[in-house]
Amino acid sequence: MTRGQAGRYLLVAAVAGTLAASATAQTSEPKARPLLVGVVDLGVVFLRYQRTADVAREVERDKEALAAKTSEQQRAIDALAKDLDAAPAGTEVYREKAAELKLAHKALDAMNLEADAIAQQRFETLTLQEIDEIDESVREFAKANHYDLIVKTTTKGWGEKKLPERLYRAQISTVVAYDPKLDVTEQILARLNDVENLKKHGAH
């Protein structure tokens, strides 16, 4: 073999080796896994999360406490009304009792408005806390199970005839149709209603 032939042989061998190495590298590259996507039905979760019932009970207790105060004011109004009925019409006593009764009614109206505002604020605060707990559970589930994406939907309320209810749910639902195999609602509920999670969030 001449020196030129030897050179050409080495060049061909080098090229062949490079191509083989490239082919091996391509075949050994791991294939990208498909995205892992889940869907959670927030309407179902909110309905069946044990904390929802707890929130309802807390709000009801608050309403009862506020109602006790307004009931006391109502009893005072009833007593003034009796005094007014007993007072001779047109007398100074009658006018005083009438003025007191009018003020008492205004006070009761103010107390009722304040009680409604307090109850509504309490309900909103507790509900927002519950929503935060649900969001946290979804994020933890996604991380623990290597989900790339979990989207929300809601199937509650669509059978109702009230237009505002349906419009509201249409706005918060980001998924219209999906394969049921993607549904992770039950898994999320299992995490939320787990004893340790309920203790963590003060469920009763």
C-alpha atoms as a PDB file:
ATOM      1  CA  MET A   1       0.000   0.000   0.000  1.00  0.00           C
ATOM      2  CA  THR A   2       1.398   3.350  -1.036  1.00  0.00           C
ATOM      3  CA  ARG A   3       1.550   6.358   1.245  1.00  0.00           C
ATOM      4  CA  GLY A   4      -1.324   7.980  -0.700  1.00  0.00           C
ATOM      5  CA  GLN A   5      -3.475   4.897  -0.455  1.00  0.00           C
ATOM      6  CA  ALA A   6      -2.796   4.701   3.280  1.00  0.00           C
ATOM      7  CA  GLY A   7      -3.831   8.322   3.713  1.00  0.00           C
ATOM      8  CA  ARG A   8      -7.081   7.808   1.831  1.00  0.00           C
ATOM      9  CA  TYR A   9      -7.787   4.685   3.924  1.00  0.00           C
ATOM     10  CA  LEU A  10      -7.298   6.582   7.192  1.00  0.00           C
ATOM     11  CA  LEU A  11      -9.551   9.422   5.989  1.00  0.00           C
ATOM     12  CA  VAL A  12     -12.345   7.025   5.032  1.00  0.00           C
ATOM     13  CA  ALA A  13     -12.022   5.228   8.362  1.00  0.00           C
ATOM     14  CA  ALA A  14     -12.191   8.507  10.277  1.00  0.00           C
ATOM     15  CA  VAL A  15     -15.314   9.645   8.420  1.00  0.00           C
ATOM     16  CA  ALA A  16     -16.953   6.254   8.937  1.00  0.00           C
ATOM     17  CA  GLY A  17     -16.173   6.382  12.644  1.00  0.00           C
ATOM     18  CA  THR A  18     -17.615   9.875  12.966  1.00  0.00           C
ATOM     19  CA  LEU A  19     -20.837   8.857  11.215  1.00  0.00           C
ATOM     20  CA  ALA A  20     -21.160   5.774  13.386  1.00  0.00           C
ATOM     21  CA  ALA A  21     -20.621   7.791  16.545  1.00  0.00           C
ATOM     22  CA  SER A  22     -23.213  10.322  15.416  1.00  0.00           C
ATOM     23  CA  ALA A  23     -25.742   7.588  14.679  1.00  0.00           C
ATOM     24  CA  THR A  24     -25.115   5.993  18.061  1.00  0.00           C
ATOM     25  CA  ALA A  25     -25.583   9.323  19.825  1.00  0.00           C
ATOM     26  CA  GLN A  26     -28.853   9.949  18.011  1.00  0.00           C
ATOM     27  CA  THR A  27     -30.291   6.553  18.865  1.00  0.00           C
ATOM     28  CA  SER A  28     -29.213   6.828  22.505  1.00  0.00           C
ATOM     29  CA  GLU A  29     -30.845  10.211  23.109  1.00  0.00           C
ATOM     30  CA  PRO A  30     -33.863   9.798  25.451  1.00  0.00           C
ATOM     31  CA  LYS A  31     -37.194  10.540  23.882  1.00  0.00           C
ATOM     32  CA  ALA A  32     -39.071  13.472  25.371  1.00  0.00           C
ATOM     33  CA  ARG A  33     -41.997  12.249  27.470  1.00  0.00           C
ATOM     34  CA  PRO A  34     -45.465  13.500  26.574  1.00  0.00           C
ATOM     35  CA  LEU A  35     -46.955  16.240  28.709  1.00  0.00           C
ATOM     36  CA  LEU A  36     -48.822  14.958  31.746  1.00  0.00           C
ATOM     37  CA  VAL A  37     -52.073  16.901  31.957  1.00  0.00           C
ATOM     38  CA  GLY A  38     -54.906  16.649  34.483  1.00  0.00           C
ATOM     39  CA  VAL A  39     -58.337  18.221  34.889  1.00  0.00           C
ATOM     40  CA  VAL A  40     -59.918  19.047  38.246  1.00  0.00           C
ATOM     41  CA  ASP A  41     -63.610  19.807  38.682  1.00  0.00           C
ATOM     42  CA  LEU A  42     -63.608  22.634  41.213  1.00  0.00           C
ATOM     43  CA  GLY A  43     -67.368  22.578  41.589  1.00  0.00           C
ATOM     44  CA  VAL A  44     -67.245  18.974  42.776  1.00  0.00           C
ATOM     45  CA  VAL A  45     -64.203  19.616  44.960  1.00  0.00           C
ATOM     46  CA  PHE A  46     -65.775  22.624  46.640  1.00  0.00           C
ATOM     47  CA  LEU A  47     -69.005  20.730  47.255  1.00  0.00           C
ATOM     48  CA  ARG A  48     -67.390  17.632  48.749  1.00  0.00           C
ATOM     49  CA  TYR A  49     -64.460  19.173  50.626  1.00  0.00           C
ATOM     50  CA  GLN A  50     -65.262  18.698  54.313  1.00  0.00           C
ATOM     51  CA  ARG A  51     -64.159  22.231  55.114  1.00  0.00           C
ATOM     52  CA  THR A  52     -67.102  23.564  53.088  1.00  0.00           C
ATOM     53  CA  ALA A  53     -69.512  22.198  55.685  1.00  0.00           C
ATOM     54  CA  ASP A  54     -67.307  23.594  58.450  1.00  0.00           C
ATOM     55  CA  VAL A  55     -67.389  27.043  56.874  1.00  0.00           C
ATOM     56  CA  ALA A  56     -71.181  26.895  56.613  1.00  0.00           C
ATOM     57  CA  ARG A  57     -71.453  25.979  60.306  1.00  0.00           C
ATOM     58  CA  GLU A  58     -69.078  28.766  61.359  1.00  0.00           C
ATOM     59  CA  VAL A  59     -71.013  31.350  59.373  1.00  0.00           C
ATOM     60  CA  GLU A  60     -74.285  30.090  60.848  1.00  0.00           C
ATOM     61  CA  ARG A  61     -72.905  30.414  64.393  1.00  0.00           C
ATOM     62  CA  ASP A  62     -71.824  33.970  63.635  1.00  0.00           C
ATOM     63  CA  LYS A  63     -75.288  34.781  62.314  1.00  0.00           C
ATOM     64  CA  GLU A  64     -76.907  33.374  65.451  1.00  0.00           C
ATOM     65  CA  ALA A  65     -74.666  35.498  67.663  1.00  0.00           C
ATOM     66  CA  LEU A  66     -75.538  38.612  65.681  1.00  0.00           C
ATOM     67  CA  ALA A  67     -79.222  37.699  65.697  1.00  0.00           C
ATOM     68  CA  ALA A  68     -79.136  37.519  69.493  1.00  0.00           C
ATOM     69  CA  LYS A  69     -78.083  41.173  69.603  1.00  0.00           C
ATOM     70  CA  THR A  70     -80.790  42.294  67.208  1.00  0.00           C
ATOM     71  CA  SER A  71     -83.357  40.247  69.148  1.00  0.00           C
ATOM     72  CA  GLU A  72     -82.461  42.181  72.287  1.00  0.00           C
ATOM     73  CA  GLN A  73     -83.070  45.425  70.426  1.00  0.00           C
ATOM     74  CA  GLN A  74     -86.383  44.078  69.130  1.00  0.00           C
ATOM     75  CA  ARG A  75     -87.480  43.338  72.698  1.00  0.00           C
ATOM     76  CA  ALA A  76     -86.667  46.919  73.645  1.00  0.00           C
ATOM     77  CA  ILE A  77     -88.804  48.116  70.724  1.00  0.00           C
ATOM     78  CA  ASP A  78     -91.692  45.916  71.844  1.00  0.00           C
ATOM     79  CA  ALA A  79     -91.481  47.374  75.348  1.00  0.00           C
ATOM     80  CA  LEU A  80     -91.474  50.935  73.977  1.00  0.00           C
ATOM     81  CA  ALA A  81     -94.454  50.124  71.775  1.00  0.00           C
ATOM     82  CA  LYS A  82     -96.414  48.977  74.834  1.00  0.00           C
ATOM     83  CA  ASP A  83     -95.473  52.139  76.712  1.00  0.00           C
ATOM     84  CA  LEU A  84     -96.595  54.196  73.743  1.00  0.00           C
ATOM     85  CA  ASP A  85     -99.938  52.397  73.597  1.00  0.00           C
ATOM     86  CA  ALA A  86    -100.426  53.019  77.302  1.00  0.00           C
ATOM     87  CA  ALA A  87     -99.617  56.745  77.093  1.00  0.00           C
ATOM     88  CA  PRO A  88    -102.487  59.161  76.443  1.00  0.00           C
ATOM     89  CA  ALA A  89    -102.394  60.445  72.880  1.00  0.00           C
ATOM     90  CA  GLY A  90    -101.185  64.030  72.471  1.00  0.00           C
ATOM     91  CA  THR A  91     -99.415  64.173  75.835  1.00  0.00           C
ATOM     92  CA  GLU A  92     -95.740  64.921  76.389  1.00  0.00           C
ATOM     93  CA  VAL A  93     -95.186  61.324  77.520  1.00  0.00           C
ATOM     94  CA  TYR A  94     -96.755  60.054  74.298  1.00  0.00           C
ATOM     95  CA  ARG A  95     -94.506  62.270  72.177  1.00  0.00           C
ATOM     96  CA  GLU A  96     -91.402  61.180  74.082  1.00  0.00           C
ATOM     97  CA  LYS A  97     -92.257  57.491  73.729  1.00  0.00           C
ATOM     98  CA  ALA A  98     -93.008  57.959  70.030  1.00  0.00           C
ATOM     99  CA  ALA A  99     -89.604  59.628  69.488  1.00  0.00           C
ATOM    100  CA  GLU A 100     -87.841  56.879  71.450  1.00  0.00           C
ATOM    101  CA  LEU A 101     -89.619  54.220  69.431  1.00  0.00           C
ATOM    102  CA  LYS A 102     -88.647  55.864  66.155  1.00  0.00           C
ATOM    103  CA  LEU A 103     -85.003  56.017  67.203  1.00  0.00           C
ATOM    104  CA  ALA A 104     -85.134  52.405  68.380  1.00  0.00           C
ATOM    105  CA  HIS A 105     -86.436  51.294  64.965  1.00  0.00           C
ATOM    106  CA  LYS A 106     -83.622  53.184  63.221  1.00  0.00           C
ATOM    107  CA  ALA A 107     -81.094  51.569  65.544  1.00  0.00           C
ATOM    108  CA  LEU A 108     -82.508  48.135  64.745  1.00  0.00           C
ATOM    109  CA  ASP A 109     -82.266  48.806  61.001  1.00  0.00           C
ATOM    110  CA  ALA A 110     -78.644  49.871  61.434  1.00  0.00           C
ATOM    111  CA  MET A 111     -77.895  46.768  63.510  1.00  0.00           C
ATOM    112  CA  ASN A 112     -79.449  44.515  60.864  1.00  0.00           C
ATOM    113  CA  LEU A 113     -77.396  46.140  58.099  1.00  0.00           C
ATOM    114  CA  GLU A 114     -74.227  45.804  60.159  1.00  0.00           C
ATOM    115  CA  ALA A 115     -75.014  42.172  61.002  1.00  0.00           C
ATOM    116  CA  ASP A 116     -75.535  41.349  57.317  1.00  0.00           C
ATOM    117  CA  ALA A 117     -72.254  43.051  56.381  1.00  0.00           C
ATOM    118  CA  ILE A 118     -70.330  41.243  59.113  1.00  0.00           C
ATOM    119  CA  ALA A 119     -71.826  37.874  58.157  1.00  0.00           C
ATOM    120  CA  GLN A 120     -71.036  38.445  54.475  1.00  0.00           C
ATOM    121  CA  GLN A 121     -67.468  39.491  55.232  1.00  0.00           C
ATOM    122  CA  ARG A 122     -66.990  36.458  57.460  1.00  0.00           C
ATOM    123  CA  PHE A 123     -68.368  34.161  54.764  1.00  0.00           C
ATOM    124  CA  GLU A 124     -66.093  35.669  52.109  1.00  0.00           C
ATOM    125  CA  THR A 125     -63.018  35.433  54.333  1.00  0.00           C
ATOM    126  CA  LEU A 126     -63.603  31.777  55.184  1.00  0.00           C
ATOM    127  CA  THR A 127     -64.480  30.889  51.598  1.00  0.00           C
ATOM    128  CA  LEU A 128     -61.316  32.522  50.252  1.00  0.00           C
ATOM    129  CA  GLN A 129     -59.298  30.565  52.811  1.00  0.00           C
ATOM    130  CA  GLU A 130     -60.948  27.389  51.571  1.00  0.00           C
ATOM    131  CA  ILE A 131     -60.181  28.244  47.940  1.00  0.00           C
ATOM    132  CA  ASP A 132     -56.533  28.834  48.883  1.00  0.00           C
ATOM    133  CA  GLU A 133     -56.456  25.407  50.556  1.00  0.00           C
ATOM    134  CA  ILE A 134     -57.835  23.773  47.404  1.00  0.00           C
ATOM    135  CA  ASP A 135     -55.311  25.564  45.185  1.00  0.00           C
ATOM    136  CA  GLU A 136     -52.486  24.526  47.503  1.00  0.00           C
ATOM    137  CA  SER A 137     -53.604  20.896  47.402  1.00  0.00           C
ATOM    138  CA  VAL A 138     -53.756  20.913  43.591  1.00  0.00           C
ATOM    139  CA  ARG A 139     -50.231  22.344  43.377  1.00  0.00           C
ATOM    140  CA  GLU A 140     -48.883  19.769  45.840  1.00  0.00           C
ATOM    141  CA  PHE A 141     -50.594  16.940  43.943  1.00  0.00           C
ATOM    142  CA  ALA A 142     -49.156  18.164  40.638  1.00  0.00           C
ATOM    143  CA  LYS A 143     -45.646  18.373  42.071  1.00  0.00           C
ATOM    144  CA  ALA A 144     -45.797  14.991  43.803  1.00  0.00           C
ATOM    145  CA  ASN A 145     -47.106  13.236  40.685  1.00  0.00           C
ATOM    146  CA  HIS A 146     -45.014  15.129  38.105  1.00  0.00           C
ATOM    147  CA  TYR A 147     -47.919  16.773  36.308  1.00  0.00           C
ATOM    148  CA  ASP A 148     -46.945  19.428  33.795  1.00  0.00           C
ATOM    149  CA  LEU A 149     -50.357  21.047  33.807  1.00  0.00           C
ATOM    150  CA  ILE A 150     -53.642  20.791  35.719  1.00  0.00           C
ATOM    151  CA  VAL A 151     -56.555  22.808  34.385  1.00  0.00           C
ATOM    152  CA  LYS A 152     -59.882  23.567  36.041  1.00  0.00           C
ATOM    153  CA  THR A 153     -63.468  23.032  35.066  1.00  0.00           C
ATOM    154  CA  THR A 154     -66.794  22.919  36.880  1.00  0.00           C
ATOM    155  CA  THR A 155     -69.826  20.780  36.142  1.00  0.00           C
ATOM    156  CA  LYS A 156     -71.999  22.083  38.966  1.00  0.00           C
ATOM    157  CA  GLY A 157     -74.818  24.452  38.210  1.00  0.00           C
ATOM    158  CA  TRP A 158     -75.212  23.796  34.492  1.00  0.00           C
ATOM    159  CA  GLY A 159     -78.556  22.127  35.013  1.00  0.00           C
ATOM    160  CA  GLU A 160     -79.973  25.136  36.821  1.00  0.00           C
ATOM    161  CA  LYS A 161     -82.297  27.592  35.123  1.00  0.00           C
ATOM    162  CA  LYS A 162     -80.903  30.722  36.765  1.00  0.00           C
ATOM    163  CA  LEU A 163     -78.961  32.636  34.115  1.00  0.00           C
ATOM    164  CA  PRO A 164     -76.538  34.422  36.519  1.00  0.00           C
ATOM    165  CA  GLU A 165     -75.481  31.052  37.964  1.00  0.00           C
ATOM    166  CA  ARG A 166     -74.805  29.594  34.537  1.00  0.00           C
ATOM    167  CA  LEU A 167     -72.965  32.698  33.323  1.00  0.00           C
ATOM    168  CA  TYR A 168     -70.770  32.685  36.428  1.00  0.00           C
ATOM    169  CA  ARG A 169     -69.830  29.050  35.948  1.00  0.00           C
ATOM    170  CA  ALA A 170     -69.196  29.620  32.261  1.00  0.00           C
ATOM    171  CA  GLN A 171     -66.691  32.318  33.179  1.00  0.00           C
ATOM    172  CA  ILE A 172     -64.724  30.284  35.717  1.00  0.00           C
ATOM    173  CA  SER A 173     -64.640  27.055  33.701  1.00  0.00           C
ATOM    174  CA  THR A 174     -61.665  26.957  31.332  1.00  0.00           C
ATOM    175  CA  VAL A 175     -62.363  23.494  29.914  1.00  0.00           C
ATOM    176  CA  VAL A 176     -65.450  22.580  27.927  1.00  0.00           C
ATOM    177  CA  ALA A 177     -64.595  19.007  26.900  1.00  0.00           C
ATOM    178  CA  TYR A 178     -61.884  16.533  27.937  1.00  0.00           C
ATOM    179  CA  ASP A 179     -61.101  12.834  28.129  1.00  0.00           C
ATOM    180  CA  PRO A 180     -62.396  11.472  31.479  1.00  0.00           C
ATOM    181  CA  LYS A 181     -59.052   9.674  31.889  1.00  0.00           C
ATOM    182  CA  LEU A 182     -57.498  13.084  32.595  1.00  0.00           C
ATOM    183  CA  ASP A 183     -59.789  13.753  35.562  1.00  0.00           C
ATOM    184  CA  VAL A 184     -57.916  13.999  38.881  1.00  0.00           C
ATOM    185  CA  THR A 185     -60.823  15.320  40.955  1.00  0.00           C
ATOM    186  CA  GLU A 186     -61.074  12.260  43.208  1.00  0.00           C
ATOM    187  CA  GLN A 187     -57.330  12.306  43.884  1.00  0.00           C
ATOM    188  CA  ILE A 188     -57.495  15.955  44.880  1.00  0.00           C
ATOM    189  CA  LEU A 189     -60.470  15.290  47.158  1.00  0.00           C
ATOM    190  CA  ALA A 190     -58.626  12.417  48.802  1.00  0.00           C
ATOM    191  CA  ARG A 191     -55.779  14.779  49.685  1.00  0.00           C
ATOM    192  CA  LEU A 192     -58.092  17.519  50.919  1.00  0.00           C
ATOM    193  CA  ASN A 193     -60.216  15.232  53.090  1.00  0.00           C
ATOM    194  CA  ASP A 194     -57.230  13.420  54.516  1.00  0.00           C
ATOM    195  CA  VAL A 195     -57.283  13.577  58.317  1.00  0.00           C
ATOM    196  CA  GLU A 196     -53.899  15.299  58.539  1.00  0.00           C
ATOM    197  CA  ASN A 197     -54.872  17.962  56.030  1.00  0.00           C
ATOM    198  CA  LEU A 198     -58.143  18.636  57.857  1.00  0.00           C
ATOM    199  CA  LYS A 199     -56.277  18.963  61.158  1.00  0.00           C
ATOM    200  CA  LYS A 200     -53.796  21.315  59.500  1.00  0.00           C
ATOM    201  CA  HIS A 201     -56.598  23.658  58.467  1.00  0.00           C
ATOM    202  CA  GLY A 202     -58.578  23.371  61.685  1.00  0.00           C
ATOM    203  CA  ALA A 203     -61.515  21.324  60.438  1.00  0.00           C
ATOM    204  CA  HIS A 204     -64.027  20.277  63.098  1.00  0.00           C
END
